C-alpha cells in the first residue's frame, strides 16, 4: 500500500499528491492509501478525511460517471472552480476581480444525453459509469429536472424498438416549455414500421417533438424555450444553456457589461440566448455558423413584442471572422465561442477597438488566451464571474468584462 497526502485538486477533480500522483475522489489535506498504478492511486482508502468531505447526496454517485464532485462540500467546489479561473489567468500574467462562483441548484439541469441499449431481458438507459461504456441506470438522479427523468423510460422503449443489442442510442432529452424535446442518434435506419412505432411513442409520452438521426418523426407542439421576452424553438439537439438559472445569470451579467450600448454584435449567437434579451434596449446583429439557429432566432424575434431591431447573419466565424471595419459600428460586442475559443475573431476585435466586450466562455484556458490578446491590445479585464451550471462536475463557465483602458469603469 502507498500512503500520500493530497495537496490540491486537479482540473478534472482528482486529488493530486506529490509526484504527481492522481487520486480520484480525494480532497485537499486528506491522507489516503491505495495501490499505486503508474501515476494513479487505486483501491482508495481515506485515512484522514477532510472537513470538506460530505456524504454524496445522490445514491448513484459511486457508480455513475455523470458527477465527479458530490463527495465535496458546496463551498469547496465553488472555491475550486473560482481558483481554476484564477490559475488560468495567472498563467498568462493577468489578474482581475474574480467574483465568487454562482451555482445552479440540484434538479435544475434541463437537458441530458441518456445512453440506451437493449439487453437480454429488455433495455436499460442512464449515464455511463466512470471511464467506462457500461450504462448505469439513474432513476433517482438529483441533477436533472423531474420532467427529464421521465425520459429514462422513454429511452428504454426507444432502444427496444430502434437498435440492436450491439449498438447504443444517444437520446438527447430537453425540458421545453411545452414538454420534452427528444433527439435520438445511433439508431436503426428508418423504415415504414419503425416510423409508425416511433410516432406512437411520441403520442404515448406526450412529447413536444421527436427526431431520429435528424429526421422529424413528430411534433405535437413546438418545443419553445424562453429567451427574454421572446420564445424560440431551437433546432433538434442544438446548443442550449444547461439550466434556466444559469441562462438568466449569464444574461444578467452580459447586460451589466453591455450597459447602455445602443448597437451590439452578438457573435456565436446560437438561437438568441443573449441577442433577444439585449434587443429590449439595443439594436442587435446576431452572427452564428448555423443557418437553422439563425432562422429560429429570427422567427422568435419577429413573434415577440417590444423588441428593437435584430438582424441575423449566417457565417463561420472561425474561417471568416468579422473584420475591424465591420465591427467598428458597434458600441459593444458579446462573444460566446465553443470550448476551443475564438482566436481568429478575438484578433480582429483587438484591432477593431470596440469599446466594451462581454466574453462568455466554457473553457478558462482558452478564455485566458483570448484575454491576453485583448489586454495586450489595450483592454482592461475589470472582472470575471464564474457560473456553475454543471453542478458537481469539473466544468467551469464564466463571463469576463472587458473595456478599453481609456473608458471609465
Protein backbone atom coordinates (compact mmCIF):
# COMPACT_ATOMS: atom_id res chain seq x y z
CA UNK A 1 0.00 0.00 0.00
CA UNK A 2 1.13 3.55 -0.75
CA UNK A 3 0.16 6.43 1.56
CA UNK A 4 0.10 10.03 0.31
CA UNK A 5 -1.21 13.45 1.36
CA UNK A 6 -3.40 15.32 -1.12
CA UNK A 7 -2.10 18.81 -1.85
CA UNK A 8 -4.70 20.16 -4.27
CA UNK A 9 -7.43 19.36 -6.75
CA UNK A 10 -6.66 18.98 -10.43
CA UNK A 11 -8.80 20.49 -13.16
CA UNK A 12 -10.74 17.23 -13.57
CA UNK A 13 -11.48 16.99 -9.84
CA UNK A 14 -8.88 14.37 -8.92
CA UNK A 15 -6.84 14.88 -5.78
CA UNK A 16 -3.15 15.44 -6.57
CA UNK A 17 -0.32 14.32 -4.27
CA UNK A 18 3.42 14.96 -4.75
CA UNK A 19 4.85 13.07 -7.71
CA UNK A 20 2.38 13.93 -9.11
CA UNK A 21 0.08 11.12 -8.07
CA UNK A 22 -3.57 11.39 -9.11
CA UNK A 23 -6.20 10.15 -6.69
CA UNK A 24 -9.86 10.14 -7.81
CA UNK A 25 -12.41 11.13 -5.14
CA UNK A 26 -9.77 12.54 -2.78
CA UNK A 27 -9.76 16.08 -1.35
CA UNK A 28 -7.00 18.54 -0.36
CA UNK A 29 -5.46 17.83 3.05
CA UNK A 30 -6.56 14.20 3.15
CA UNK A 31 -4.18 11.35 3.93
CA UNK A 32 -5.10 8.42 1.69
CA UNK A 33 -3.80 4.94 0.95
CA UNK A 34 -4.08 2.68 -2.05
CA UNK A 35 -2.27 0.72 -4.71
CA UNK A 36 -0.02 2.82 -6.93
CA UNK A 37 -0.61 2.09 -10.63
CA UNK A 38 1.77 4.32 -12.54
CA UNK A 39 0.73 7.86 -11.59
CA UNK A 40 -2.68 6.86 -10.22
CA UNK A 41 -3.68 5.55 -6.81
CA UNK A 42 -6.37 2.85 -6.95
CA UNK A 43 -8.40 0.93 -4.35
CA UNK A 44 -8.59 4.13 -2.33
CA UNK A 45 -8.80 4.22 1.46
CA UNK A 46 -9.33 7.54 3.26
CA UNK A 47 -7.09 7.51 6.35
CA UNK A 48 -7.63 11.14 7.39
CA UNK A 49 -10.71 12.74 5.83
CA UNK A 50 -11.05 16.42 5.02
CA UNK A 51 -13.51 18.60 6.92
CA UNK A 52 -14.97 19.34 3.46
CA UNK A 53 -15.77 15.69 2.77
CA UNK A 54 -19.54 15.10 2.72
CA UNK A 55 -21.84 12.18 2.07
CA UNK A 56 -22.79 12.21 -1.62
CA UNK A 57 -26.45 13.30 -1.84
CA UNK A 58 -27.20 11.07 -4.86
CA UNK A 59 -27.50 7.29 -4.42
CA UNK A 60 -25.93 6.75 -7.86
CA UNK A 61 -22.76 8.76 -7.27
CA UNK A 62 -20.35 5.89 -6.60
CA UNK A 63 -21.12 4.12 -9.85
CA UNK A 64 -22.39 6.84 -12.20
CA UNK A 65 -19.97 8.97 -14.20
CA UNK A 66 -22.34 11.92 -14.54
CA UNK A 67 -20.94 13.76 -11.50
CA UNK A 68 -17.39 14.00 -10.17
CA UNK A 69 -17.61 16.13 -7.01
CA UNK A 70 -20.54 15.08 -4.82
CA UNK A 71 -18.12 13.97 -2.10
CA UNK A 72 -17.01 17.61 -1.55
CA UNK A 73 -18.78 20.46 0.20
CA UNK A 74 -20.54 23.04 -1.94
CA UNK A 75 -18.16 25.76 -0.75
CA UNK A 76 -15.06 23.73 -1.63
CA UNK A 77 -16.39 23.08 -5.14
CA UNK A 78 -17.31 26.74 -5.65
CA UNK A 79 -13.88 27.89 -4.45
CA UNK A 80 -12.11 25.27 -6.57
CA UNK A 81 -13.90 26.41 -9.73
CA UNK A 82 -13.05 30.02 -8.96
CA UNK A 83 -9.41 29.02 -8.42
CA UNK A 84 -9.33 27.33 -11.84
CA UNK A 85 -10.13 30.72 -13.38
CA UNK A 86 -7.54 32.48 -11.21
CA UNK A 87 -4.82 29.99 -12.20
CA UNK A 88 -5.72 30.17 -15.91
CA UNK A 89 -5.39 33.96 -15.90
CA UNK A 90 -2.16 33.88 -13.89
CA UNK A 91 -0.68 31.53 -16.49
CA UNK A 92 -0.80 34.41 -18.99
CA UNK A 93 0.22 37.07 -16.48
CA UNK A 94 -3.25 38.51 -15.84
CA UNK A 95 -5.15 39.34 -12.68
CA UNK A 96 -8.72 40.55 -12.27
CA UNK A 97 -11.52 40.76 -9.76
CA UNK A 98 -12.75 37.15 -9.75
CA UNK A 99 -16.20 37.09 -8.20
CA UNK A 100 -17.46 34.16 -6.09
CA UNK A 101 -18.89 31.28 -8.11
CA UNK A 102 -22.63 31.30 -8.73
CA UNK A 103 -24.05 27.75 -8.73
CA UNK A 104 -27.30 26.35 -10.12
CA UNK A 105 -29.36 24.23 -7.74
CA UNK A 106 -29.82 20.49 -7.84
CA UNK A 107 -32.59 19.08 -10.07
CA UNK A 108 -32.16 22.03 -12.44
CA UNK A 109 -30.38 20.57 -15.48
CA UNK A 110 -32.92 20.87 -18.29
CA UNK A 111 -31.00 18.85 -20.82
CA UNK A 112 -29.26 15.47 -20.68
CA UNK A 113 -27.95 12.84 -23.06
CA UNK A 114 -29.02 9.39 -21.91
CA UNK A 115 -27.29 6.28 -23.21
CA UNK A 116 -29.71 3.44 -24.02
CA UNK A 117 -29.12 -0.17 -25.02
CA UNK A 118 -31.09 -3.38 -25.47
CA UNK A 119 -30.38 -6.23 -23.05
CA UNK A 120 -31.31 -9.90 -22.86
CA UNK A 121 -34.30 -9.08 -20.68
CA UNK A 122 -35.32 -5.75 -22.18
CA UNK A 123 -33.44 -2.45 -22.22
CA UNK A 124 -31.57 -0.09 -19.94
CA UNK A 125 -30.91 3.65 -20.00
CA UNK A 126 -28.86 6.06 -17.93
CA UNK A 127 -25.39 7.58 -17.83
CA UNK A 128 -22.06 5.89 -18.42
CA UNK A 129 -20.00 4.70 -15.47
CA UNK A 130 -16.72 6.48 -14.79
CA UNK A 131 -14.20 5.78 -17.56
CA UNK A 132 -16.42 3.03 -18.93
CA UNK A 133 -19.02 2.37 -21.60
CA UNK A 134 -21.18 0.49 -19.08
CA UNK A 135 -24.59 2.11 -18.64
CA UNK A 136 -25.70 2.93 -15.09
CA UNK A 137 -29.47 3.37 -14.57
CA UNK A 138 -30.14 6.59 -12.62
CA UNK A 139 -33.85 6.59 -11.65
CA UNK A 140 -33.19 8.83 -8.62
CA UNK A 141 -30.76 11.27 -10.30
CA UNK A 142 -30.75 14.60 -8.44
CA UNK A 143 -29.01 16.50 -11.23
CA UNK A 144 -31.77 16.82 -13.84
CA UNK A 145 -35.27 18.27 -13.66
CA UNK A 146 -38.04 15.86 -12.60
CA UNK A 147 -39.54 16.08 -16.09
CA UNK A 148 -36.26 14.94 -17.62
CA UNK A 149 -36.27 11.76 -15.52
CA UNK A 150 -39.33 10.56 -17.42
CA UNK A 151 -37.02 10.40 -20.43
CA UNK A 152 -35.29 7.35 -18.94
CA UNK A 153 -38.24 5.01 -19.52
CA UNK A 154 -38.77 6.57 -22.94
CA UNK A 155 -35.11 5.93 -23.77
CA UNK A 156 -35.50 2.26 -22.86
CA UNK A 157 -38.55 1.97 -25.10
CA UNK A 158 -36.67 3.66 -27.94
CA UNK A 159 -33.82 1.18 -27.55
CA UNK A 160 -36.21 -1.76 -27.64
CA UNK A 161 -37.64 -0.75 -31.00
CA UNK A 162 -34.80 1.17 -32.59
CA UNK A 163 -31.46 -0.53 -32.03
CA UNK A 164 -29.71 -3.87 -31.90
CA UNK A 165 -28.03 -5.33 -28.82
CA UNK A 166 -24.63 -4.42 -30.26
CA UNK A 167 -25.45 -0.74 -30.68
CA UNK A 168 -26.18 2.12 -28.32
CA UNK A 169 -28.57 5.03 -28.67
CA UNK A 170 -27.73 8.56 -27.61
CA UNK A 171 -31.02 10.14 -26.52
CA UNK A 172 -30.83 13.90 -26.02
CA UNK A 173 -33.76 14.98 -23.86
CA UNK A 174 -34.52 18.66 -23.34
CA UNK A 175 -37.15 20.09 -20.99
CA UNK A 176 -39.02 22.74 -23.02
CA UNK A 177 -41.95 24.99 -22.15
CA UNK A 178 -44.27 22.55 -23.93
CA UNK A 179 -42.86 19.18 -22.83
CA UNK A 180 -39.90 17.01 -23.68
CA UNK A 181 -37.92 17.65 -26.85
CA UNK A 182 -36.15 14.39 -27.81
CA UNK A 183 -33.43 13.89 -30.42
CA UNK A 184 -32.06 10.37 -31.00
CA UNK A 185 -28.85 9.37 -32.76
CA UNK A 186 -27.27 5.98 -33.41
CA UNK A 187 -30.47 4.09 -34.18
CA UNK A 188 -31.62 1.78 -36.96
CA UNK A 189 -32.33 3.26 -40.39
CA UNK A 190 -35.90 4.49 -40.61
CA UNK A 191 -38.45 2.40 -42.45
CA UNK A 192 -42.24 2.41 -42.50
CA UNK A 193 -42.89 0.18 -39.46
CA UNK A 194 -40.26 1.96 -37.35
CA UNK A 195 -41.74 5.36 -38.21
CA UNK A 196 -45.18 4.20 -37.08
CA UNK A 197 -43.80 2.77 -33.81
CA UNK A 198 -41.81 5.93 -33.05
CA UNK A 199 -44.81 8.13 -33.80
CA UNK A 200 -46.84 6.06 -31.35
CA UNK A 201 -44.18 6.57 -28.66
CA UNK A 202 -44.27 10.31 -29.36
CA UNK A 203 -48.00 10.28 -28.60
CA UNK A 204 -47.72 7.88 -25.65
CA UNK A 205 -45.20 10.07 -23.86
CA UNK A 206 -46.86 13.32 -24.99
CA UNK A 207 -43.56 14.55 -26.41
CA UNK A 208 -43.32 18.04 -27.82
CA UNK A 209 -41.00 16.79 -30.58
CA UNK A 210 -39.17 13.61 -31.55
CA UNK A 211 -36.40 13.41 -34.15
CA UNK A 212 -34.48 10.32 -35.26
CA UNK A 213 -30.99 10.93 -36.67
CA UNK A 214 -32.05 14.49 -37.60
CA UNK A 215 -35.30 13.40 -39.27
CA UNK A 216 -38.52 14.67 -37.72
CA UNK A 217 -40.81 11.87 -36.52
CA UNK A 218 -43.45 14.01 -34.87
CA UNK A 219 -44.07 17.42 -33.31
CA UNK A 220 -47.19 17.66 -31.21
CA UNK A 221 -46.37 21.26 -30.27
CA UNK A 222 -43.27 23.42 -30.94
CA UNK A 223 -40.77 22.88 -28.05
CA UNK A 224 -40.18 26.54 -27.20
CA UNK A 225 -37.55 27.99 -24.90
CA UNK A 226 -37.87 31.41 -23.27
CA UNK A 227 -35.18 33.97 -24.13
CA UNK A 228 -36.05 37.28 -22.56
CA UNK A 229 -39.43 38.41 -23.88
CA UNK A 230 -39.18 36.03 -26.83
CA UNK A 231 -39.88 32.35 -27.24
CA UNK A 232 -37.60 30.38 -29.57
CA UNK A 233 -37.91 26.86 -30.98
CA UNK A 234 -34.29 25.61 -31.29
CA UNK A 235 -33.34 23.09 -33.98
CA UNK A 236 -33.33 19.49 -32.69
CA UNK A 237 -30.34 18.77 -30.45
CA UNK A 238 -28.93 22.29 -30.77
CA UNK A 239 -26.98 24.13 -28.08
CA UNK A 240 -28.89 25.41 -25.06
CA UNK A 241 -27.64 26.69 -21.71
CA UNK A 242 -27.72 23.79 -19.25
CA UNK A 243 -30.06 25.36 -16.68
CA UNK A 244 -32.65 28.10 -16.78
CA UNK A 245 -30.98 29.67 -13.74
CA UNK A 246 -27.61 29.66 -15.49
CA UNK A 247 -29.06 31.22 -18.63
CA UNK A 248 -30.69 34.01 -16.61
CA UNK A 249 -27.50 34.69 -14.64
CA UNK A 250 -25.32 34.77 -17.75
CA UNK A 251 -27.81 37.10 -19.43
CA UNK A 252 -27.84 39.46 -16.43
CA UNK A 253 -24.03 39.56 -16.45
CA UNK A 254 -23.89 40.28 -20.19
CA UNK A 255 -26.45 43.08 -19.72
CA UNK A 256 -24.34 44.50 -16.90
CA UNK A 257 -21.30 44.68 -19.18
CA UNK A 258 -23.11 45.99 -22.25
CA UNK A 259 -24.82 48.69 -20.17
CA UNK A 260 -26.42 51.47 -22.21
CA UNK A 261 -24.94 50.45 -25.58
CA UNK A 262 -27.35 51.14 -28.43
CA UNK A 263 -25.83 48.79 -31.01
CA UNK A 264 -24.48 45.34 -30.13
CA UNK A 265 -22.93 42.48 -32.10
CA UNK A 266 -23.63 39.02 -30.68
CA UNK A 267 -21.03 36.60 -32.04
CA UNK A 268 -21.62 32.82 -31.85
CA UNK A 269 -25.17 33.87 -31.04
CA UNK A 270 -26.81 30.44 -31.09
CA UNK A 271 -30.59 30.78 -31.04
CA UNK A 272 -30.56 34.14 -29.27
CA UNK A 273 -29.69 33.48 -25.64
CA UNK A 274 -28.21 36.98 -25.37
CA UNK A 275 -29.32 38.67 -28.58
CA UNK A 276 -33.03 38.60 -27.78
CA UNK A 277 -32.84 39.91 -24.18
CA UNK A 278 -30.37 42.60 -25.32
CA UNK A 279 -32.86 43.67 -28.00
CA UNK A 280 -35.10 45.01 -25.25
CA UNK A 281 -32.83 48.09 -25.16
CA UNK A 282 -30.42 47.90 -28.12
CA UNK A 283 -30.30 47.01 -31.80
CA UNK A 284 -28.51 43.68 -32.18
CA UNK A 285 -26.69 41.97 -35.04
CA UNK A 286 -26.51 38.22 -34.35
CA UNK A 287 -23.91 36.06 -36.11
CA UNK A 288 -23.78 32.25 -35.99
CA UNK A 289 -22.48 29.46 -38.21
CA UNK A 290 -25.76 27.51 -38.21
CA UNK A 291 -28.46 28.75 -40.57
CA UNK A 292 -31.06 26.73 -38.63
CA UNK A 293 -30.21 28.55 -35.42
CA UNK A 294 -30.31 31.90 -37.18
CA UNK A 295 -33.74 31.07 -38.57
CA UNK A 296 -35.03 30.08 -35.12
CA UNK A 297 -33.70 33.33 -33.64
CA UNK A 298 -35.25 35.42 -36.40
CA UNK A 299 -38.66 33.77 -36.01
CA UNK A 300 -38.51 34.27 -32.23
CA UNK A 301 -37.70 37.95 -32.67
CA UNK A 302 -40.47 38.54 -35.22
CA UNK A 303 -43.08 36.93 -32.99
CA UNK A 304 -42.04 38.82 -29.84
CA UNK A 305 -43.37 42.21 -28.78
CA UNK A 306 -41.44 45.29 -27.70
CA UNK A 307 -38.00 44.39 -29.09
CA UNK A 308 -35.69 46.61 -31.09
CA UNK A 309 -34.33 45.56 -34.46
CA UNK A 310 -32.40 42.26 -34.62
CA UNK A 311 -30.56 41.27 -37.78
CA UNK A 312 -29.01 37.86 -38.39
CA UNK A 313 -26.05 36.61 -40.39
CA UNK A 314 -25.01 33.00 -41.03
CA UNK A 315 -21.22 32.99 -41.02
CA UNK A 316 -18.38 30.70 -39.98
CA UNK A 317 -16.56 32.93 -37.51
CA UNK A 318 -13.59 30.55 -37.34
CA UNK A 319 -12.88 30.90 -41.05
CA UNK A 320 -14.45 34.30 -41.69
CA UNK A 321 -14.35 36.39 -38.53
CA UNK A 322 -15.95 39.82 -38.58
CA UNK A 323 -13.29 42.33 -39.61
CA UNK A 324 -12.47 45.64 -37.90
CA UNK A 325 -14.42 47.74 -40.42
CA UNK A 326 -17.49 45.55 -39.80
CA UNK A 327 -17.09 45.73 -36.02
CA UNK A 328 -16.43 49.47 -35.76
CA UNK A 329 -20.13 50.41 -35.93
CA UNK A 330 -20.98 48.62 -32.69
CA UNK A 331 -20.91 50.08 -29.17
CA UNK A 332 -20.41 46.65 -27.63
CA UNK A 333 -19.72 43.04 -28.61
CA UNK A 334 -20.88 39.83 -26.95
CA UNK A 335 -18.88 36.72 -27.84
CA UNK A 336 -19.72 33.18 -26.65
CA UNK A 337 -17.50 30.74 -28.55
CA UNK A 338 -17.21 26.94 -28.15
CA UNK A 339 -14.55 25.37 -25.91
CA UNK A 340 -11.82 25.98 -28.49
CA UNK A 341 -12.26 29.71 -28.04
CA UNK A 342 -12.21 32.18 -30.90
CA UNK A 343 -8.60 33.19 -31.53
CA UNK A 344 -9.23 34.49 -35.06
CA UNK A 345 -12.24 36.59 -34.07
CA UNK A 346 -10.56 37.88 -30.91
CA UNK A 347 -7.60 39.05 -33.02
CA UNK A 348 -9.96 41.14 -35.16
CA UNK A 349 -11.71 42.51 -32.08
CA UNK A 350 -8.35 43.58 -30.68
CA UNK A 351 -7.73 45.64 -33.81
CA UNK A 352 -11.29 46.99 -34.03
CA UNK A 353 -11.15 48.51 -30.53
CA UNK A 354 -14.86 48.11 -29.81
CA UNK A 355 -15.40 50.00 -26.51
CA UNK A 356 -16.88 47.11 -24.50
CA UNK A 357 -16.70 43.31 -24.84
CA UNK A 358 -18.67 40.71 -22.88
CA UNK A 359 -16.81 37.40 -23.24
CA UNK A 360 -18.75 34.29 -22.25
CA UNK A 361 -16.68 31.12 -22.07
CA UNK A 362 -16.94 27.45 -21.13
CA UNK A 363 -13.16 26.97 -21.02
CA UNK A 364 -10.99 29.04 -18.63
CA UNK A 365 -7.81 28.14 -20.55
CA UNK A 366 -8.96 29.44 -23.93
CA UNK A 367 -10.61 32.40 -22.22
CA UNK A 368 -7.24 33.28 -20.66
CA UNK A 369 -5.59 33.07 -24.07
CA UNK A 370 -8.22 35.38 -25.57
CA UNK A 371 -7.98 37.72 -22.57
CA UNK A 372 -4.23 38.04 -23.06
CA UNK A 373 -4.75 39.08 -26.68
CA UNK A 374 -7.30 41.72 -25.73
CA UNK A 375 -5.31 43.09 -22.81
CA UNK A 376 -2.17 43.35 -24.96
CA UNK A 377 -4.26 45.46 -27.36
CA UNK A 378 -5.28 47.98 -24.72
CA UNK A 379 -8.26 46.38 -22.98
CA UNK A 380 -8.76 46.08 -19.23
CA UNK A 381 -10.34 42.96 -17.74
CA UNK A 382 -12.47 44.51 -15.00
CA UNK A 383 -13.97 41.35 -13.53
CA UNK A 384 -14.77 37.69 -14.16
CA UNK A 385 -17.81 35.84 -12.85
CA UNK A 386 -17.63 32.02 -12.71
CA UNK A 387 -21.03 30.39 -13.25
CA UNK A 388 -21.54 26.72 -12.36
CA UNK A 389 -24.43 25.29 -14.38
CA UNK A 390 -22.86 21.83 -14.37
CA UNK A 391 -23.09 21.19 -10.66
CA UNK A 392 -20.78 18.55 -9.18
CA UNK A 393 -18.79 18.35 -12.42
CA UNK A 394 -15.37 19.66 -13.44
CA UNK A 395 -16.97 22.02 -15.95
CA UNK A 396 -16.46 25.78 -15.45
CA UNK A 397 -18.27 28.59 -17.25
CA UNK A 398 -17.61 32.30 -16.86
CA UNK A 399 -18.28 35.80 -18.08
CA UNK A 400 -15.49 38.39 -18.43
CA UNK A 401 -15.97 42.17 -18.66
CA UNK A 402 -13.52 43.95 -21.00
CA UNK A 403 -13.30 47.66 -21.70
CA UNK A 404 -10.76 49.84 -23.44
CA UNK A 405 -8.30 51.27 -20.93
CA UNK A 406 -9.34 54.89 -21.54
CA UNK A 407 -13.03 54.17 -20.81
CA UNK A 408 -14.02 54.68 -17.19
CA UNK A 409 -15.19 51.57 -15.37
